[in-house]
Amino acid sequence: MHNHTKGIIYASITAFFWGFLAIALKVASREFEPVTIVWFRFFVAFTFLAVWQGFKNPSSFKILIKPPLLLILAALGLSWNYLGFMFGVHYTTPSNAQLFIQTGPITLAIVGITFFKEKLGRRQIIGFILAIAGLGLFYNQQLGQFIESENIYIKGVFLTISSALAWATYASLQKKLVTRFSVQTLNLFLFGFPALIYLPFINLSPLFELHWTWFLLMIFLGANTFIAYTCIANALKYTEANKVSMIIILNPLITFATMGILTYLDVSWITGERFTLLSVIGALIVLSGAMLVAGKKKK
């Protein structure tokens, strides 16, 4: 299998898992504080990876003792990405958060053009314009749906965008680091560092008071972290940043479709989404623009 094909497959797996992530986070936020959910995700992911590396490559733990500066900065970016996105989901809805988090892959594409010397074409310029216009249209339409809690919605949107910028920082640094270290070695620190810094702020008492199915949900969130970020690190290793971004951008379609089904079924365990025709059009414009930005013209 060619490295390019490997990169596409890894990126597709990440998009699939992220497509359901926001929904699971929204459900978990009914019973757990955002920082506790974020800590649990990192803790479970680190535990899975530590056991795996303990058998496969024990020497990889050396990076926990003396990590490079770029890795520390990447871990800080990833730490805020998780918490900012969690607050975004908590204050708005899964679909809203999933759309605005796409400013992350768009920013990554800009970084690819600026620092990795990936050329900017006319199609990408049009994509930037479409993405900005679509975000504006979607924001204005959805703001009307949250009229009773306008300030909270705005807060959630800005937290989500800050989370997206933090993710772009992480991904850009990861792109540099994978040329020197293995993916799993890097992820040991990227998962372990946030689990450590968030530890003083968590509250695990609901985990021991609720039905065991909630514990399974939290395990799923941790496993989602482990699988998705292992795959995206490999994707960045095997193919260009802009191609990885283009695939990841598709994950909101999974979220939108799933939330549409859940809203139609009127399930009791998650609040249904409320969309206008214009907000749907705005979302499609954003995704179309983002795909143009992340896409690369064939030679």
C-alpha atoms as a PDB file:
ATOM      1  CA  MET A   1       0.000   0.000   0.000  1.00  0.00           C
ATOM      2  CA  HIS A   2       1.355   3.434  -0.951  1.00  0.00           C
ATOM      3  CA  ASN A   3       2.018   5.894   1.870  1.00  0.00           C
ATOM      4  CA  HIS A   4      -0.511   8.322   0.359  1.00  0.00           C
ATOM      5  CA  THR A   5      -3.231   5.654   0.545  1.00  0.00           C
ATOM      6  CA  LYS A   6      -2.312   4.892   4.145  1.00  0.00           C
ATOM      7  CA  GLY A   7      -2.633   8.587   4.995  1.00  0.00           C
ATOM      8  CA  ILE A   8      -6.094   8.788   3.408  1.00  0.00           C
ATOM      9  CA  ILE A   9      -7.309   5.706   5.310  1.00  0.00           C
ATOM     10  CA  TYR A  10      -5.983   6.981   8.642  1.00  0.00           C
ATOM     11  CA  ALA A  11      -7.573  10.401   8.088  1.00  0.00           C
ATOM     12  CA  SER A  12     -10.907   8.757   7.170  1.00  0.00           C
ATOM     13  CA  ILE A  13     -10.921   6.735  10.404  1.00  0.00           C
ATOM     14  CA  THR A  14     -10.335   9.937  12.376  1.00  0.00           C
ATOM     15  CA  ALA A  15     -13.209  11.691  10.570  1.00  0.00           C
ATOM     16  CA  PHE A  16     -15.537   8.759  11.316  1.00  0.00           C
ATOM     17  CA  PHE A  17     -14.805   8.730  15.049  1.00  0.00           C
ATOM     18  CA  TRP A  18     -14.961  12.511  15.330  1.00  0.00           C
ATOM     19  CA  GLY A  19     -18.320  12.478  13.572  1.00  0.00           C
ATOM     20  CA  PHE A  20     -19.911  10.832  16.624  1.00  0.00           C
ATOM     21  CA  LEU A  21     -17.693  12.465  19.237  1.00  0.00           C
ATOM     22  CA  ALA A  22     -19.655  15.702  19.740  1.00  0.00           C
ATOM     23  CA  ILE A  23     -22.900  13.788  20.266  1.00  0.00           C
ATOM     24  CA  ALA A  24     -21.331  11.538  22.895  1.00  0.00           C
ATOM     25  CA  LEU A  25     -19.791  14.586  24.611  1.00  0.00           C
ATOM     26  CA  LYS A  26     -23.171  16.339  24.729  1.00  0.00           C
ATOM     27  CA  VAL A  27     -24.774  13.299  26.366  1.00  0.00           C
ATOM     28  CA  ALA A  28     -21.921  12.969  28.879  1.00  0.00           C
ATOM     29  CA  SER A  29     -22.217  16.655  29.822  1.00  0.00           C
ATOM     30  CA  ARG A  30     -25.651  15.929  31.295  1.00  0.00           C
ATOM     31  CA  GLU A  31     -24.005  14.222  34.259  1.00  0.00           C
ATOM     32  CA  PHE A  32     -20.315  15.174  34.265  1.00  0.00           C
ATOM     33  CA  GLU A  33     -18.461  18.485  34.432  1.00  0.00           C
ATOM     34  CA  PRO A  34     -16.629  19.407  31.186  1.00  0.00           C
ATOM     35  CA  VAL A  35     -13.149  19.285  32.727  1.00  0.00           C
ATOM     36  CA  THR A  36     -13.854  15.826  34.195  1.00  0.00           C
ATOM     37  CA  ILE A  37     -14.915  14.510  30.779  1.00  0.00           C
ATOM     38  CA  VAL A  38     -11.784  15.943  29.171  1.00  0.00           C
ATOM     39  CA  TRP A  39      -9.529  14.482  31.873  1.00  0.00           C
ATOM     40  CA  PHE A  40     -11.166  11.060  31.575  1.00  0.00           C
ATOM     41  CA  ARG A  41     -10.654  11.045  27.796  1.00  0.00           C
ATOM     42  CA  PHE A  42      -6.958  11.748  28.170  1.00  0.00           C
ATOM     43  CA  PHE A  43      -6.540   9.343  31.087  1.00  0.00           C
ATOM     44  CA  VAL A  44      -8.173   6.398  29.289  1.00  0.00           C
ATOM     45  CA  ALA A  45      -6.276   7.113  26.070  1.00  0.00           C
ATOM     46  CA  PHE A  46      -2.976   7.332  27.959  1.00  0.00           C
ATOM     47  CA  THR A  47      -3.707   4.087  29.832  1.00  0.00           C
ATOM     48  CA  PHE A  48      -4.472   2.195  26.611  1.00  0.00           C
ATOM     49  CA  LEU A  49      -1.354   3.529  24.949  1.00  0.00           C
ATOM     50  CA  ALA A  50       0.916   2.989  27.966  1.00  0.00           C
ATOM     51  CA  VAL A  51      -0.057  -0.676  28.190  1.00  0.00           C
ATOM     52  CA  TRP A  52       0.532  -1.122  24.458  1.00  0.00           C
ATOM     53  CA  GLN A  53       3.894   0.650  24.509  1.00  0.00           C
ATOM     54  CA  GLY A  54       4.917  -1.168  27.674  1.00  0.00           C
ATOM     55  CA  PHE A  55       4.872  -4.419  25.719  1.00  0.00           C
ATOM     56  CA  LYS A  56       5.938  -3.140  22.323  1.00  0.00           C
ATOM     57  CA  ASN A  57       8.451  -0.357  22.984  1.00  0.00           C
ATOM     58  CA  PRO A  58       9.314   0.362  26.656  1.00  0.00           C
ATOM     59  CA  SER A  59      12.051   2.805  25.657  1.00  0.00           C
ATOM     60  CA  SER A  60       9.387   5.205  24.325  1.00  0.00           C
ATOM     61  CA  PHE A  61       8.602   6.250  27.911  1.00  0.00           C
ATOM     62  CA  LYS A  62      11.865   8.216  27.966  1.00  0.00           C
ATOM     63  CA  ILE A  63      10.074  11.059  26.213  1.00  0.00           C
ATOM     64  CA  LEU A  64       8.004  11.629  29.385  1.00  0.00           C
ATOM     65  CA  ILE A  65      11.192  12.524  31.264  1.00  0.00           C
ATOM     66  CA  LYS A  66      12.730  14.930  28.768  1.00  0.00           C
ATOM     67  CA  PRO A  67      10.173  16.048  26.152  1.00  0.00           C
ATOM     68  CA  PRO A  68      11.221  18.526  23.431  1.00  0.00           C
ATOM     69  CA  LEU A  69       9.838  22.063  23.682  1.00  0.00           C
ATOM     70  CA  LEU A  70       7.729  21.679  20.534  1.00  0.00           C
ATOM     71  CA  LEU A  71       6.040  18.646  22.068  1.00  0.00           C
ATOM     72  CA  ILE A  72       5.187  20.564  25.251  1.00  0.00           C
ATOM     73  CA  LEU A  73       3.655  23.344  23.151  1.00  0.00           C
ATOM     74  CA  ALA A  74       1.722  20.789  21.090  1.00  0.00           C
ATOM     75  CA  ALA A  75       0.393  19.193  24.293  1.00  0.00           C
ATOM     76  CA  LEU A  76      -0.741  22.595  25.594  1.00  0.00           C
ATOM     77  CA  GLY A  77      -2.546  23.224  22.307  1.00  0.00           C
ATOM     78  CA  LEU A  78      -4.236  19.825  22.428  1.00  0.00           C
ATOM     79  CA  SER A  79      -5.177  20.331  26.091  1.00  0.00           C
ATOM     80  CA  TRP A  80      -7.095  23.515  25.334  1.00  0.00           C
ATOM     81  CA  ASN A  81      -8.529  22.070  22.134  1.00  0.00           C
ATOM     82  CA  TYR A  82     -10.278  19.345  24.134  1.00  0.00           C
ATOM     83  CA  LEU A  83     -11.574  21.626  26.876  1.00  0.00           C
ATOM     84  CA  GLY A  84     -12.592  24.464  24.555  1.00  0.00           C
ATOM     85  CA  PHE A  85     -14.498  22.082  22.283  1.00  0.00           C
ATOM     86  CA  MET A  86     -16.134  20.451  25.310  1.00  0.00           C
ATOM     87  CA  PHE A  87     -17.411  23.850  26.462  1.00  0.00           C
ATOM     88  CA  GLY A  88     -18.540  24.607  22.920  1.00  0.00           C
ATOM     89  CA  VAL A  89     -20.629  21.421  22.819  1.00  0.00           C
ATOM     90  CA  HIS A  90     -21.939  22.106  26.323  1.00  0.00           C
ATOM     91  CA  TYR A  91     -23.054  25.688  25.601  1.00  0.00           C
ATOM     92  CA  THR A  92     -24.422  25.121  22.072  1.00  0.00           C
ATOM     93  CA  THR A  93     -25.166  21.832  20.269  1.00  0.00           C
ATOM     94  CA  PRO A  94     -23.115  19.027  18.689  1.00  0.00           C
ATOM     95  CA  SER A  95     -23.763  20.262  15.152  1.00  0.00           C
ATOM     96  CA  ASN A  96     -22.948  23.886  16.000  1.00  0.00           C
ATOM     97  CA  ALA A  97     -19.701  22.922  17.660  1.00  0.00           C
ATOM     98  CA  GLN A  98     -18.780  20.558  14.826  1.00  0.00           C
ATOM     99  CA  LEU A  99     -19.223  23.272  12.229  1.00  0.00           C
ATOM    100  CA  PHE A 100     -17.255  25.999  13.991  1.00  0.00           C
ATOM    101  CA  ILE A 101     -14.452  23.599  14.911  1.00  0.00           C
ATOM    102  CA  GLN A 102     -13.794  23.367  11.158  1.00  0.00           C
ATOM    103  CA  THR A 103     -11.891  26.646  11.459  1.00  0.00           C
ATOM    104  CA  GLY A 104      -9.145  24.364  12.791  1.00  0.00           C
ATOM    105  CA  PRO A 105      -8.533  22.393   9.554  1.00  0.00           C
ATOM    106  CA  ILE A 106      -8.869  25.644   7.588  1.00  0.00           C
ATOM    107  CA  THR A 107      -6.189  27.218   9.784  1.00  0.00           C
ATOM    108  CA  LEU A 108      -4.055  24.091   9.350  1.00  0.00           C
ATOM    109  CA  ALA A 109      -4.333  24.534   5.593  1.00  0.00           C
ATOM    110  CA  ILE A 110      -3.123  28.137   5.993  1.00  0.00           C
ATOM    111  CA  VAL A 111      -0.183  26.872   8.036  1.00  0.00           C
ATOM    112  CA  GLY A 112       0.541  24.285   5.348  1.00  0.00           C
ATOM    113  CA  ILE A 113       0.621  27.040   2.737  1.00  0.00           C
ATOM    114  CA  THR A 114       2.692  29.400   4.895  1.00  0.00           C
ATOM    115  CA  PHE A 115       5.196  27.123   6.610  1.00  0.00           C
ATOM    116  CA  PHE A 116       5.146  23.848   4.678  1.00  0.00           C
ATOM    117  CA  LYS A 117       5.272  25.712   1.334  1.00  0.00           C
ATOM    118  CA  GLU A 118       2.087  24.146  -0.002  1.00  0.00           C
ATOM    119  CA  LYS A 119       1.046  26.488  -2.827  1.00  0.00           C
ATOM    120  CA  LEU A 120      -2.128  28.608  -2.648  1.00  0.00           C
ATOM    121  CA  GLY A 121      -4.298  28.477  -5.765  1.00  0.00           C
ATOM    122  CA  ARG A 122      -7.325  30.380  -7.022  1.00  0.00           C
ATOM    123  CA  ARG A 123      -9.601  27.555  -5.874  1.00  0.00           C
ATOM    124  CA  GLN A 124      -8.330  27.901  -2.309  1.00  0.00           C
ATOM    125  CA  ILE A 125      -8.868  31.666  -2.309  1.00  0.00           C
ATOM    126  CA  ILE A 126     -12.486  31.086  -3.374  1.00  0.00           C
ATOM    127  CA  GLY A 127     -12.733  28.462  -0.612  1.00  0.00           C
ATOM    128  CA  PHE A 128     -11.636  30.936   2.047  1.00  0.00           C
ATOM    129  CA  ILE A 129     -14.273  33.426   0.917  1.00  0.00           C
ATOM    130  CA  LEU A 130     -17.000  30.755   0.868  1.00  0.00           C
ATOM    131  CA  ALA A 131     -16.036  29.418   4.308  1.00  0.00           C
ATOM    132  CA  ILE A 132     -16.150  32.878   5.915  1.00  0.00           C
ATOM    133  CA  ALA A 133     -19.461  33.742   4.220  1.00  0.00           C
ATOM    134  CA  GLY A 134     -20.982  30.388   5.196  1.00  0.00           C
ATOM    135  CA  LEU A 135     -19.889  30.719   8.825  1.00  0.00           C
ATOM    136  CA  GLY A 136     -21.466  34.180   8.965  1.00  0.00           C
ATOM    137  CA  LEU A 137     -24.748  32.950   7.518  1.00  0.00           C
ATOM    138  CA  PHE A 138     -24.878  29.891   9.764  1.00  0.00           C
ATOM    139  CA  TYR A 139     -23.984  31.953  12.853  1.00  0.00           C
ATOM    140  CA  ASN A 140     -26.710  34.531  12.250  1.00  0.00           C
ATOM    141  CA  GLN A 141     -29.366  31.897  11.596  1.00  0.00           C
ATOM    142  CA  GLN A 142     -28.477  29.739  14.587  1.00  0.00           C
ATOM    143  CA  LEU A 143     -28.228  32.758  16.867  1.00  0.00           C
ATOM    144  CA  GLY A 144     -31.922  33.306  16.250  1.00  0.00           C
ATOM    145  CA  GLN A 145     -32.616  29.749  17.426  1.00  0.00           C
ATOM    146  CA  PHE A 146     -30.834  30.461  20.720  1.00  0.00           C
ATOM    147  CA  ILE A 147     -32.496  33.822  21.347  1.00  0.00           C
ATOM    148  CA  GLU A 148     -33.274  32.957  24.986  1.00  0.00           C
ATOM    149  CA  SER A 149     -29.629  32.225  25.728  1.00  0.00           C
ATOM    150  CA  GLU A 150     -27.892  34.429  23.182  1.00  0.00           C
ATOM    151  CA  ASN A 151     -24.860  35.258  25.336  1.00  0.00           C
ATOM    152  CA  ILE A 152     -24.276  31.611  26.202  1.00  0.00           C
ATOM    153  CA  TYR A 153     -24.438  30.641  22.525  1.00  0.00           C
ATOM    154  CA  ILE A 154     -21.945  33.358  21.551  1.00  0.00           C
ATOM    155  CA  LYS A 155     -19.662  32.226  24.378  1.00  0.00           C
ATOM    156  CA  GLY A 156     -19.855  28.639  23.140  1.00  0.00           C
ATOM    157  CA  VAL A 157     -19.024  29.668  19.569  1.00  0.00           C
ATOM    158  CA  PHE A 158     -15.961  31.671  20.591  1.00  0.00           C
ATOM    159  CA  LEU A 159     -14.735  28.891  22.871  1.00  0.00           C
ATOM    160  CA  THR A 160     -15.102  26.453  19.976  1.00  0.00           C
ATOM    161  CA  ILE A 161     -13.141  28.712  17.622  1.00  0.00           C
ATOM    162  CA  SER A 162     -10.373  29.128  20.219  1.00  0.00           C
ATOM    163  CA  SER A 163     -10.339  25.344  20.504  1.00  0.00           C
ATOM    164  CA  ALA A 164      -9.975  25.072  16.717  1.00  0.00           C
ATOM    165  CA  LEU A 165      -6.993  27.434  16.693  1.00  0.00           C
ATOM    166  CA  ALA A 166      -5.391  25.417  19.489  1.00  0.00           C
ATOM    167  CA  TRP A 167      -5.910  22.249  17.419  1.00  0.00           C
ATOM    168  CA  ALA A 168      -4.248  23.833  14.391  1.00  0.00           C
ATOM    169  CA  THR A 169      -1.259  24.696  16.598  1.00  0.00           C
ATOM    170  CA  TYR A 170      -1.073  21.110  17.832  1.00  0.00           C
ATOM    171  CA  ALA A 171      -1.403  19.612  14.345  1.00  0.00           C
ATOM    172  CA  SER A 172       1.237  21.916  12.853  1.00  0.00           C
ATOM    173  CA  LEU A 173       3.739  21.038  15.559  1.00  0.00           C
ATOM    174  CA  GLN A 174       2.833  17.348  15.260  1.00  0.00           C
ATOM    175  CA  LYS A 175       3.605  17.555  11.540  1.00  0.00           C
ATOM    176  CA  LYS A 176       7.157  18.595  12.443  1.00  0.00           C
ATOM    177  CA  LEU A 177       7.576  16.161  15.343  1.00  0.00           C
ATOM    178  CA  VAL A 178       6.606  12.990  13.447  1.00  0.00           C
ATOM    179  CA  THR A 179       9.750  13.355  11.357  1.00  0.00           C
ATOM    180  CA  ARG A 180      11.838  12.757  14.511  1.00  0.00           C
ATOM    181  CA  PHE A 181       9.697  10.571  16.773  1.00  0.00           C
ATOM    182  CA  SER A 182       7.246   7.724  16.319  1.00  0.00           C
ATOM    183  CA  VAL A 183       3.549   8.520  16.510  1.00  0.00           C
ATOM    184  CA  GLN A 184       2.934   6.416  19.627  1.00  0.00           C
ATOM    185  CA  THR A 185       5.927   7.903  21.434  1.00  0.00           C
ATOM    186  CA  LEU A 186       4.586  11.405  20.846  1.00  0.00           C
ATOM    187  CA  ASN A 187       1.082  10.425  21.915  1.00  0.00           C
ATOM    188  CA  LEU A 188       2.351   9.102  25.240  1.00  0.00           C
ATOM    189  CA  PHE A 189       3.198  12.673  26.185  1.00  0.00           C
ATOM    190  CA  LEU A 190       0.281  14.274  24.330  1.00  0.00           C
ATOM    191  CA  PHE A 191      -2.186  12.139  26.324  1.00  0.00           C
ATOM    192  CA  GLY A 192      -0.296  12.023  29.619  1.00  0.00           C
ATOM    193  CA  PHE A 193       0.504  15.727  30.001  1.00  0.00           C
ATOM    194  CA  PRO A 194      -3.151  16.956  29.856  1.00  0.00           C
ATOM    195  CA  ALA A 195      -4.261  14.114  32.162  1.00  0.00           C
ATOM    196  CA  LEU A 196      -1.751  15.422  34.691  1.00  0.00           C
ATOM    197  CA  ILE A 197      -2.532  19.149  34.486  1.00  0.00           C
ATOM    198  CA  TYR A 198      -6.322  18.650  34.619  1.00  0.00           C
ATOM    199  CA  LEU A 199      -6.166  16.191  37.526  1.00  0.00           C
ATOM    200  CA  PRO A 200      -6.643  18.800  40.331  1.00  0.00           C
ATOM    201  CA  PHE A 201      -9.907  20.052  38.788  1.00  0.00           C
ATOM    202  CA  ILE A 202     -11.876  16.842  38.244  1.00  0.00           C
ATOM    203  CA  ASN A 203     -14.907  15.448  40.066  1.00  0.00           C
ATOM    204  CA  LEU A 204     -15.364  11.694  39.664  1.00  0.00           C
ATOM    205  CA  SER A 205     -18.153  11.228  42.197  1.00  0.00           C
ATOM    206  CA  PRO A 206     -20.920  10.936  39.516  1.00  0.00           C
ATOM    207  CA  LEU A 207     -19.048   7.972  38.037  1.00  0.00           C
ATOM    208  CA  PHE A 208     -19.690   5.941  41.185  1.00  0.00           C
ATOM    209  CA  GLU A 209     -23.300   7.047  41.625  1.00  0.00           C
ATOM    210  CA  LEU A 210     -24.711   6.547  38.120  1.00  0.00           C
ATOM    211  CA  HIS A 211     -25.705   3.467  36.142  1.00  0.00           C
ATOM    212  CA  TRP A 212     -22.790   1.481  34.659  1.00  0.00           C
ATOM    213  CA  THR A 213     -23.776   2.530  31.141  1.00  0.00           C
ATOM    214  CA  TRP A 214     -22.418   6.010  31.890  1.00  0.00           C
ATOM    215  CA  PHE A 215     -19.068   4.436  32.680  1.00  0.00           C
ATOM    216  CA  LEU A 216     -19.144   2.713  29.274  1.00  0.00           C
ATOM    217  CA  LEU A 217     -19.879   6.061  27.633  1.00  0.00           C
ATOM    218  CA  MET A 218     -16.812   7.582  29.284  1.00  0.00           C
ATOM    219  CA  ILE A 219     -14.693   4.612  28.209  1.00  0.00           C
ATOM    220  CA  PHE A 220     -15.935   5.146  24.642  1.00  0.00           C
ATOM    221  CA  LEU A 221     -14.857   8.798  24.799  1.00  0.00           C
ATOM    222  CA  GLY A 222     -11.390   7.739  25.946  1.00  0.00           C
ATOM    223  CA  ALA A 223     -11.132   5.037  23.263  1.00  0.00           C
ATOM    224  CA  ASN A 224     -12.306   7.576  20.683  1.00  0.00           C
ATOM    225  CA  THR A 225      -9.414   9.807  21.711  1.00  0.00           C
ATOM    226  CA  PHE A 226      -6.860   7.005  21.486  1.00  0.00           C
ATOM    227  CA  ILE A 227      -7.989   5.760  18.076  1.00  0.00           C
ATOM    228  CA  ALA A 228      -8.657   9.124  16.410  1.00  0.00           C
ATOM    229  CA  TYR A 229      -5.418  10.786  17.451  1.00  0.00           C
ATOM    230  CA  THR A 230      -3.292   7.762  16.691  1.00  0.00           C
ATOM    231  CA  CYS A 231      -4.807   7.751  13.214  1.00  0.00           C
ATOM    232  CA  ILE A 232      -4.455  11.481  12.575  1.00  0.00           C
ATOM    233  CA  ALA A 233      -0.813  11.437  13.634  1.00  0.00           C
ATOM    234  CA  ASN A 234      -0.189   8.622  11.154  1.00  0.00           C
ATOM    235  CA  ALA A 235      -2.160  10.488   8.488  1.00  0.00           C
ATOM    236  CA  LEU A 236       0.050  13.572   8.922  1.00  0.00           C
ATOM    237  CA  LYS A 237       3.082  11.313   8.674  1.00  0.00           C
ATOM    238  CA  TYR A 238       2.056   9.678   5.389  1.00  0.00           C
ATOM    239  CA  THR A 239       0.410  12.476   3.402  1.00  0.00           C
ATOM    240  CA  GLU A 240       0.146  16.266   3.068  1.00  0.00           C
ATOM    241  CA  ALA A 241      -1.508  18.414   5.730  1.00  0.00           C
ATOM    242  CA  ASN A 242      -4.018  19.868   3.267  1.00  0.00           C
ATOM    243  CA  LYS A 243      -5.263  16.421   2.211  1.00  0.00           C
ATOM    244  CA  VAL A 244      -5.678  15.361   5.843  1.00  0.00           C
ATOM    245  CA  SER A 245      -7.636  18.562   6.473  1.00  0.00           C
ATOM    246  CA  MET A 246      -9.955  17.984   3.508  1.00  0.00           C
ATOM    247  CA  ILE A 247     -10.994  14.557   4.803  1.00  0.00           C
ATOM    248  CA  ILE A 248     -11.394  15.635   8.419  1.00  0.00           C
ATOM    249  CA  ILE A 249     -13.648  18.484   7.315  1.00  0.00           C
ATOM    250  CA  LEU A 250     -16.241  15.903   6.225  1.00  0.00           C
ATOM    251  CA  ASN A 251     -16.880  14.652   9.775  1.00  0.00           C
ATOM    252  CA  PRO A 252     -19.625  17.241  10.543  1.00  0.00           C
ATOM    253  CA  LEU A 253     -21.769  15.575   7.868  1.00  0.00           C
ATOM    254  CA  ILE A 254     -21.867  12.480  10.094  1.00  0.00           C
ATOM    255  CA  THR A 255     -22.838  14.620  13.084  1.00  0.00           C
ATOM    256  CA  PHE A 256     -25.535  16.522  11.176  1.00  0.00           C
ATOM    257  CA  ALA A 257     -27.059  13.341   9.743  1.00  0.00           C
ATOM    258  CA  THR A 258     -27.029  11.535  13.101  1.00  0.00           C
ATOM    259  CA  MET A 259     -28.540  14.498  14.947  1.00  0.00           C
ATOM    260  CA  GLY A 260     -31.196  14.803  12.251  1.00  0.00           C
ATOM    261  CA  ILE A 261     -32.181  11.178  12.815  1.00  0.00           C
ATOM    262  CA  LEU A 262     -32.168  11.559  16.612  1.00  0.00           C
ATOM    263  CA  THR A 263     -34.275  14.734  16.366  1.00  0.00           C
ATOM    264  CA  TYR A 264     -36.771  12.938  14.116  1.00  0.00           C
ATOM    265  CA  LEU A 265     -36.955  10.018  16.574  1.00  0.00           C
ATOM    266  CA  ASP A 266     -37.412  12.531  19.431  1.00  0.00           C
ATOM    267  CA  VAL A 267     -35.126  10.620  21.807  1.00  0.00           C
ATOM    268  CA  SER A 268     -35.124  11.665  25.450  1.00  0.00           C
ATOM    269  CA  TRP A 269     -31.384  11.479  26.148  1.00  0.00           C
ATOM    270  CA  ILE A 270     -30.280  14.372  23.917  1.00  0.00           C
ATOM    271  CA  THR A 271     -31.921  17.636  22.891  1.00  0.00           C
ATOM    272  CA  GLY A 272     -32.843  17.768  19.224  1.00  0.00           C
ATOM    273  CA  GLU A 273     -31.264  20.242  16.800  1.00  0.00           C
ATOM    274  CA  ARG A 274     -33.120  23.230  15.404  1.00  0.00           C
ATOM    275  CA  PHE A 275     -32.121  24.295  11.884  1.00  0.00           C
ATOM    276  CA  THR A 276     -33.547  26.772   9.405  1.00  0.00           C
ATOM    277  CA  LEU A 277     -33.149  26.314   5.670  1.00  0.00           C
ATOM    278  CA  LEU A 278     -30.639  29.163   5.593  1.00  0.00           C
ATOM    279  CA  SER A 279     -28.556  27.655   8.408  1.00  0.00           C
ATOM    280  CA  VAL A 280     -28.356  24.360   6.480  1.00  0.00           C
ATOM    281  CA  ILE A 281     -27.314  26.272   3.355  1.00  0.00           C
ATOM    282  CA  GLY A 282     -24.718  28.137   5.421  1.00  0.00           C
ATOM    283  CA  ALA A 283     -23.322  24.872   6.781  1.00  0.00           C
ATOM    284  CA  LEU A 284     -23.022  23.394   3.286  1.00  0.00           C
ATOM    285  CA  ILE A 285     -21.278  26.564   2.072  1.00  0.00           C
ATOM    286  CA  VAL A 286     -18.791  26.319   4.948  1.00  0.00           C
ATOM    287  CA  LEU A 287     -17.989  22.676   4.199  1.00  0.00           C
ATOM    288  CA  SER A 288     -17.694  23.361   0.466  1.00  0.00           C
ATOM    289  CA  GLY A 289     -15.391  26.299   1.089  1.00  0.00           C
ATOM    290  CA  ALA A 290     -13.311  24.352   3.583  1.00  0.00           C
ATOM    291  CA  MET A 291     -12.874  21.501   1.103  1.00  0.00           C
ATOM    292  CA  LEU A 292     -11.679  23.960  -1.533  1.00  0.00           C
ATOM    293  CA  VAL A 293      -9.225  25.469   0.942  1.00  0.00           C
ATOM    294  CA  ALA A 294      -7.837  22.088   2.008  1.00  0.00           C
ATOM    295  CA  GLY A 295      -7.831  20.592  -1.472  1.00  0.00           C
ATOM    296  CA  LYS A 296      -4.747  20.549  -3.659  1.00  0.00           C
ATOM    297  CA  LYS A 297      -4.764  20.918  -7.419  1.00  0.00           C
ATOM    298  CA  LYS A 298      -3.434  17.817  -9.170  1.00  0.00           C
ATOM    299  CA  LYS A 299      -0.213  18.244 -11.083  1.00  0.00           C
END
